[in-house]
Amino acid sequence: MQLVLVGPPRLDGGGQRNAVWRRALAHRALRAASAVALVGPLTAHGRAAEATPLGDASRVFPQRAIVLPGIGDLPQQGSAPGWLTRLTADTVPTRPIGLGDGRTHLIPLDTLRLVGGRDAIGSRQLADLERVLAARAPGARTVLLMAHDPHGKPDAGRTLTDRDGLKRLLKQHPVELVVHGQRAGLHRGRFAGVPTLSPPPLDGCAVTGWRVLLRVTWPAPDAPPAIEPVHIARPVDRPALAEAFSAVDAARGWTELAEKIVAADDTFAAIAAEMRARAVRLDDVAAHGAALDGALADLIRRAGGEP
């Protein structure tokens, strides 16, 4: 049984984040997964136009996707936007979702309160969760999925108001893992004695450029979950690519250009068109292109080939 966690894509309508999103969806780890959980924020500003690429997920892994919006996907006031409610229509809070092995289930909790109220699980949902956990068969494994950070120290957004109620419940009915949002990077911890995990955003680390998915497996029936990073923009089976990224990490502009080319298989023409839209001079594009040609030629020479 494999559960793959896709961190916040934070799509903003721009080509670079859309390219990283497409790269993530193309990874072979998603094809082999029993289930895929997409953890928000899904968009940068909660706009319908930003959410358009999310439709690709249902085509890549139909019937296996669990979508968890993030705080940034909701407007400051008012009800959830239509594009968001359509994505979450099949994810019923506190309803166990089987992950394919007959014993492992994922339970999404609505801490955003898409139907009213926010930043809380709510007494009714806690009561439903307690009934579900108490009725589990011997040997069952349970993973909770929630937008809010149960630890009470989020990197963004407000604190979950009734996390103490969740803590009391988990001490009586332990689960195997709590997956949550509200972190700017990969975060592992414990809450009420239960391991917790927050996947990193897809746009990764601005310094190193690493982009990863997380694969969760159980190597033995009674073993704790094993967490494995799955590289998408720097595949472990392409060391030359990792070396190329390392060479350009010192300059932010270089990192953006090189990662865009590799992640989306874009051409220099596509990059030039986007930069023109940003009022960047074409001679800057030519200069970057020449420098990149030189860097790639140097890599080929060091590998023993001819540029």
Protein backbone atom coordinates (compact mmCIF):
# COMPACT_ATOMS: atom_id res chain seq x y z
CA MET A 1 0.00 0.00 0.00
CA GLN A 2 1.39 3.38 -1.03
CA LEU A 3 0.03 6.79 -0.10
CA VAL A 4 1.64 9.66 -2.02
CA LEU A 5 1.35 13.17 -0.57
CA VAL A 6 1.49 16.12 -2.96
CA GLY A 7 2.40 19.33 -1.15
CA PRO A 8 0.78 22.72 -1.72
CA PRO A 9 1.03 23.69 -5.42
CA ARG A 10 -0.04 27.30 -4.69
CA LEU A 11 -0.89 27.83 -8.35
CA ASP A 12 -0.85 31.50 -9.32
CA GLY A 13 -1.64 31.36 -13.03
CA GLY A 14 2.03 31.73 -13.95
CA GLY A 15 3.97 29.38 -16.17
CA GLN A 16 6.59 28.35 -13.64
CA ARG A 17 4.27 26.95 -10.97
CA ASN A 18 2.07 25.35 -13.61
CA ALA A 19 5.20 23.68 -15.01
CA VAL A 20 6.19 22.26 -11.61
CA TRP A 21 2.60 21.03 -11.14
CA ARG A 22 2.69 19.20 -14.49
CA ARG A 23 6.08 17.73 -13.63
CA ALA A 24 4.71 16.38 -10.34
CA LEU A 25 1.66 14.82 -12.01
CA ALA A 26 3.87 13.08 -14.56
CA HIS A 27 5.94 11.27 -11.93
CA ARG A 28 5.71 7.48 -11.99
CA ALA A 29 5.17 7.39 -8.21
CA LEU A 30 1.62 8.67 -8.76
CA ARG A 31 0.80 5.88 -11.17
CA ALA A 32 1.81 3.24 -8.59
CA ALA A 33 0.06 4.88 -5.62
CA SER A 34 -2.94 3.33 -3.89
CA ALA A 35 -4.12 6.87 -3.14
CA VAL A 36 -2.88 10.42 -3.69
CA ALA A 37 -3.57 13.20 -1.17
CA LEU A 38 -3.22 16.76 -2.44
CA VAL A 39 -2.61 19.15 0.47
CA GLY A 40 -3.37 22.87 0.00
CA PRO A 41 -3.17 25.76 -0.39
CA LEU A 42 -4.04 24.74 -3.91
CA THR A 43 -3.90 28.34 -5.19
CA ALA A 44 -2.01 31.49 -4.30
CA HIS A 45 -5.07 33.77 -3.99
CA GLY A 46 -8.13 31.52 -4.14
CA ARG A 47 -9.06 32.55 -7.69
CA ALA A 48 -10.91 30.28 -10.09
CA ALA A 49 -8.48 31.06 -12.92
CA GLU A 50 -5.56 29.87 -10.77
CA ALA A 51 -7.35 26.58 -10.04
CA THR A 52 -7.81 25.56 -13.68
CA PRO A 53 -4.76 23.20 -13.83
CA LEU A 54 -6.13 21.23 -10.84
CA GLY A 55 -8.49 19.47 -13.22
CA ASP A 56 -5.49 17.53 -14.54
CA ALA A 57 -5.30 15.58 -11.27
CA SER A 58 -8.59 13.75 -11.82
CA ARG A 59 -7.41 12.59 -15.24
CA VAL A 60 -4.01 11.41 -13.99
CA PHE A 61 -5.25 9.38 -11.00
CA PRO A 62 -9.05 9.07 -11.19
CA GLN A 63 -10.87 7.69 -8.13
CA ARG A 64 -7.65 7.80 -6.12
CA ALA A 65 -7.39 11.50 -5.28
CA ILE A 66 -8.17 13.10 -1.92
CA VAL A 67 -8.15 16.90 -2.19
CA LEU A 68 -7.55 18.95 0.96
CA PRO A 69 -7.82 22.73 0.44
CA GLY A 70 -5.67 25.11 2.43
CA ILE A 71 -6.45 28.30 4.28
CA GLY A 72 -5.25 30.42 1.36
CA ASP A 73 -7.93 28.94 -0.90
CA LEU A 74 -10.77 30.57 1.04
CA PRO A 75 -11.86 34.20 0.84
CA GLN A 76 -11.53 36.26 4.02
CA GLN A 77 -15.31 36.44 4.31
CA GLY A 78 -18.22 34.63 2.76
CA SER A 79 -18.76 31.08 1.57
CA ALA A 80 -16.28 28.84 -0.21
CA PRO A 81 -15.94 29.58 -3.96
CA GLY A 82 -17.69 27.28 -6.41
CA TRP A 83 -14.47 25.89 -7.90
CA LEU A 84 -13.42 24.72 -4.43
CA THR A 85 -16.69 23.08 -3.42
CA ARG A 86 -16.69 21.09 -6.68
CA LEU A 87 -13.24 19.68 -5.89
CA THR A 88 -14.20 18.63 -2.36
CA ALA A 89 -17.74 17.38 -3.06
CA ASP A 90 -16.73 13.71 -2.78
CA THR A 91 -14.57 14.12 0.33
CA VAL A 92 -17.07 13.68 3.16
CA PRO A 93 -15.62 14.65 6.58
CA THR A 94 -15.01 11.76 9.02
CA ARG A 95 -15.86 9.16 6.33
CA PRO A 96 -13.01 6.59 6.16
CA ILE A 97 -11.53 6.25 2.67
CA GLY A 98 -9.97 2.83 2.02
CA LEU A 99 -6.42 2.88 0.64
CA GLY A 100 -6.50 -0.48 -1.11
CA ASP A 101 -5.01 -2.98 1.35
CA GLY A 102 -8.16 -3.70 3.29
CA ARG A 103 -6.84 -2.35 6.58
CA THR A 104 -5.59 1.21 6.01
CA HIS A 105 -8.04 4.13 5.85
CA LEU A 106 -7.64 7.86 5.49
CA ILE A 107 -10.08 10.21 7.23
CA PRO A 108 -10.23 13.84 6.02
CA LEU A 109 -11.24 16.38 8.69
CA ASP A 110 -12.85 19.67 7.67
CA THR A 111 -10.97 22.20 9.81
CA LEU A 112 -11.71 24.95 7.30
CA ARG A 113 -15.42 24.45 7.95
CA LEU A 114 -16.42 24.88 4.33
CA VAL A 115 -20.07 24.78 5.38
CA GLY A 116 -19.74 27.46 8.08
CA GLY A 117 -17.25 28.46 10.78
CA ARG A 118 -13.48 28.17 10.52
CA ASP A 119 -10.27 27.16 12.29
CA ALA A 120 -12.02 24.35 14.20
CA ILE A 121 -12.95 20.71 13.86
CA GLY A 122 -16.19 21.29 15.73
CA SER A 123 -17.95 19.22 18.39
CA ARG A 124 -20.12 17.34 15.91
CA GLN A 125 -17.18 16.30 13.74
CA LEU A 126 -15.15 15.28 16.82
CA ALA A 127 -18.05 13.12 17.98
CA ASP A 128 -18.32 11.52 14.51
CA LEU A 129 -14.58 10.88 14.49
CA GLU A 130 -14.70 9.27 17.93
CA ARG A 131 -17.47 6.90 16.79
CA VAL A 132 -15.49 5.94 13.69
CA LEU A 133 -12.26 5.33 15.60
CA ALA A 134 -13.96 3.36 18.35
CA ALA A 135 -15.63 1.07 15.78
CA ARG A 136 -12.42 0.09 13.98
CA ALA A 137 -11.64 -3.56 13.48
CA PRO A 138 -8.56 -5.02 15.21
CA GLY A 139 -5.43 -4.32 13.18
CA ALA A 140 -6.93 -1.38 11.31
CA ARG A 141 -4.67 1.54 10.44
CA THR A 142 -5.93 5.13 10.28
CA VAL A 143 -4.41 8.29 8.77
CA LEU A 144 -6.00 11.67 9.56
CA LEU A 145 -5.78 14.48 7.01
CA MET A 146 -6.39 18.11 8.03
CA ALA A 147 -5.61 21.58 6.72
CA HIS A 148 -4.63 23.05 10.10
CA ASP A 149 -1.45 22.31 12.02
CA PRO A 150 -2.49 20.46 15.21
CA HIS A 151 0.62 21.63 17.07
CA GLY A 152 -0.73 25.17 17.39
CA LYS A 153 2.30 26.92 15.87
CA PRO A 154 1.46 27.39 12.19
CA ASP A 155 3.72 29.15 9.72
CA ALA A 156 0.64 30.81 8.18
CA GLY A 157 -2.96 31.35 9.20
CA ARG A 158 -4.67 31.03 12.55
CA THR A 159 -4.41 28.30 15.17
CA LEU A 160 -6.86 25.40 15.34
CA THR A 161 -9.11 26.43 18.23
CA ASP A 162 -10.17 22.99 19.46
CA ARG A 163 -6.94 21.05 19.10
CA ASP A 164 -7.09 20.09 22.80
CA GLY A 165 -10.30 18.16 22.04
CA LEU A 166 -8.49 16.31 19.25
CA LYS A 167 -5.59 15.59 21.57
CA ARG A 168 -7.87 14.00 24.18
CA LEU A 169 -9.55 11.88 21.51
CA LEU A 170 -6.25 10.62 20.05
CA LYS A 171 -4.98 9.62 23.48
CA GLN A 172 -8.02 7.33 23.80
CA HIS A 173 -8.09 6.16 20.16
CA PRO A 174 -4.58 6.47 18.66
CA VAL A 175 -4.04 6.64 14.91
CA GLU A 176 -0.94 5.89 12.85
CA LEU A 177 -0.32 9.30 11.25
CA VAL A 178 -1.70 12.84 11.07
CA VAL A 179 -1.04 14.67 7.76
CA HIS A 180 -1.54 18.43 7.95
CA GLY A 181 -0.87 21.76 6.26
CA GLN A 182 0.14 25.28 7.40
CA ARG A 183 3.90 24.67 7.08
CA ALA A 184 6.29 26.41 4.71
CA GLY A 185 8.43 23.30 4.31
CA LEU A 186 8.67 19.62 5.22
CA HIS A 187 7.75 19.19 8.88
CA ARG A 188 7.69 16.03 10.99
CA GLY A 189 6.65 15.90 14.63
CA ARG A 190 4.33 14.28 17.16
CA PHE A 191 0.93 15.25 18.50
CA ALA A 192 -0.73 13.36 21.35
CA GLY A 193 1.92 10.68 20.81
CA VAL A 194 0.99 10.32 17.11
CA PRO A 195 3.51 10.99 14.29
CA THR A 196 2.65 14.06 12.22
CA LEU A 197 3.75 15.00 8.72
CA SER A 198 3.38 18.12 6.60
CA PRO A 199 4.53 17.85 2.95
CA PRO A 200 6.61 20.69 1.49
CA PRO A 201 5.14 23.01 -1.16
CA LEU A 202 5.78 21.98 -4.75
CA ASP A 203 7.76 25.15 -5.49
CA GLY A 204 10.32 23.81 -3.02
CA CYS A 205 13.28 25.49 -1.43
CA ALA A 206 14.35 28.78 -3.03
CA VAL A 207 18.02 28.13 -2.16
CA THR A 208 18.51 24.52 -3.26
CA GLY A 209 15.65 24.13 -5.72
CA TRP A 210 14.68 20.66 -4.47
CA ARG A 211 11.10 19.67 -5.25
CA VAL A 212 9.71 16.50 -3.70
CA LEU A 213 6.57 14.46 -3.18
CA LEU A 214 6.31 12.21 -0.11
CA ARG A 215 5.60 8.50 -0.31
CA VAL A 216 4.16 6.85 2.83
CA THR A 217 4.29 3.05 3.16
CA TRP A 218 4.04 0.49 5.95
CA PRO A 219 6.89 -2.02 5.56
CA ALA A 220 5.33 -4.50 8.02
CA PRO A 221 1.85 -4.95 9.53
CA ASP A 222 2.81 -3.54 12.92
CA ALA A 223 5.58 -1.20 11.74
CA PRO A 224 5.35 2.61 11.89
CA PRO A 225 4.89 4.44 8.58
CA ALA A 226 7.99 4.88 6.42
CA ILE A 227 8.36 8.35 4.84
CA GLU A 228 10.31 8.59 1.58
CA PRO A 229 10.93 11.79 -0.41
CA VAL A 230 10.31 11.40 -4.15
CA HIS A 231 12.29 13.95 -6.17
CA ILE A 232 10.52 15.55 -9.11
CA ALA A 233 12.74 18.42 -10.32
CA ARG A 234 16.01 16.75 -9.42
CA PRO A 235 15.46 13.05 -10.11
CA VAL A 236 17.86 10.80 -8.21
CA ASP A 237 18.38 8.77 -11.38
CA ARG A 238 19.74 11.82 -13.24
CA PRO A 239 22.83 12.95 -11.30
CA ALA A 240 23.99 15.25 -14.08
CA LEU A 241 20.78 17.23 -13.65
CA ALA A 242 21.45 17.62 -9.92
CA GLU A 243 24.96 18.86 -10.73
CA ALA A 244 23.61 21.36 -13.22
CA PHE A 245 21.18 22.76 -10.68
CA SER A 246 23.88 22.92 -8.03
CA ALA A 247 26.04 24.99 -10.37
CA VAL A 248 23.37 27.66 -10.83
CA ASP A 249 21.85 27.75 -7.32
CA ALA A 250 24.08 30.69 -6.36
CA ALA A 251 22.07 33.04 -8.60
CA ARG A 252 18.31 33.17 -8.17
CA GLY A 253 17.67 34.18 -11.77
CA TRP A 254 19.69 31.24 -13.05
CA THR A 255 17.74 28.83 -10.87
CA GLU A 256 14.40 30.05 -12.16
CA LEU A 257 15.44 29.75 -15.81
CA ALA A 258 17.13 26.35 -15.56
CA GLU A 259 14.37 24.77 -13.49
CA LYS A 260 11.72 26.06 -15.86
CA ILE A 261 13.46 24.44 -18.82
CA VAL A 262 13.88 21.07 -17.11
CA ALA A 263 10.56 20.94 -15.22
CA ALA A 264 8.32 21.82 -18.14
CA ASP A 265 10.49 20.98 -21.15
CA ASP A 266 9.93 24.56 -22.23
CA THR A 267 11.82 26.05 -25.17
CA PHE A 268 13.77 29.28 -25.26
CA ALA A 269 10.96 30.68 -27.40
CA ALA A 270 8.44 30.08 -24.61
CA ILE A 271 10.74 31.68 -22.06
CA ALA A 272 11.31 34.66 -24.32
CA ALA A 273 7.57 35.14 -24.81
CA GLU A 274 6.94 35.13 -21.08
CA MET A 275 9.77 37.55 -20.42
CA ARG A 276 8.48 39.89 -23.10
CA ALA A 277 5.17 39.91 -21.28
CA ARG A 278 7.08 41.03 -18.22
CA ALA A 279 8.75 43.82 -20.18
CA VAL A 280 12.20 42.23 -19.96
CA ARG A 281 14.54 43.10 -22.81
CA LEU A 282 15.21 40.41 -25.39
CA ASP A 283 18.94 40.93 -25.14
CA ASP A 284 18.73 39.74 -21.52
CA VAL A 285 17.19 36.50 -22.79
CA ALA A 286 19.98 36.12 -25.32
CA ALA A 287 22.60 36.69 -22.63
CA HIS A 288 21.05 34.07 -20.37
CA GLY A 289 20.82 31.67 -23.33
CA ALA A 290 24.47 32.09 -24.20
CA ALA A 291 25.53 31.60 -20.60
CA LEU A 292 23.34 28.49 -20.29
CA ASP A 293 24.82 27.07 -23.51
CA GLY A 294 28.26 27.55 -22.00
CA ALA A 295 27.30 25.84 -18.75
CA LEU A 296 25.78 22.87 -20.58
CA ALA A 297 28.81 22.57 -22.87
CA ASP A 298 31.06 22.51 -19.81
CA LEU A 299 29.00 19.70 -18.28
CA ILE A 300 29.28 17.68 -21.51
CA ARG A 301 33.05 18.18 -21.63
CA ARG A 302 33.44 17.03 -18.04
CA ALA A 303 31.33 13.95 -18.85
CA GLY A 304 33.72 13.07 -21.65
CA GLY A 305 31.54 14.05 -24.59
CA GLU A 306 31.68 16.73 -27.24
CA PRO A 307 29.37 19.83 -27.13
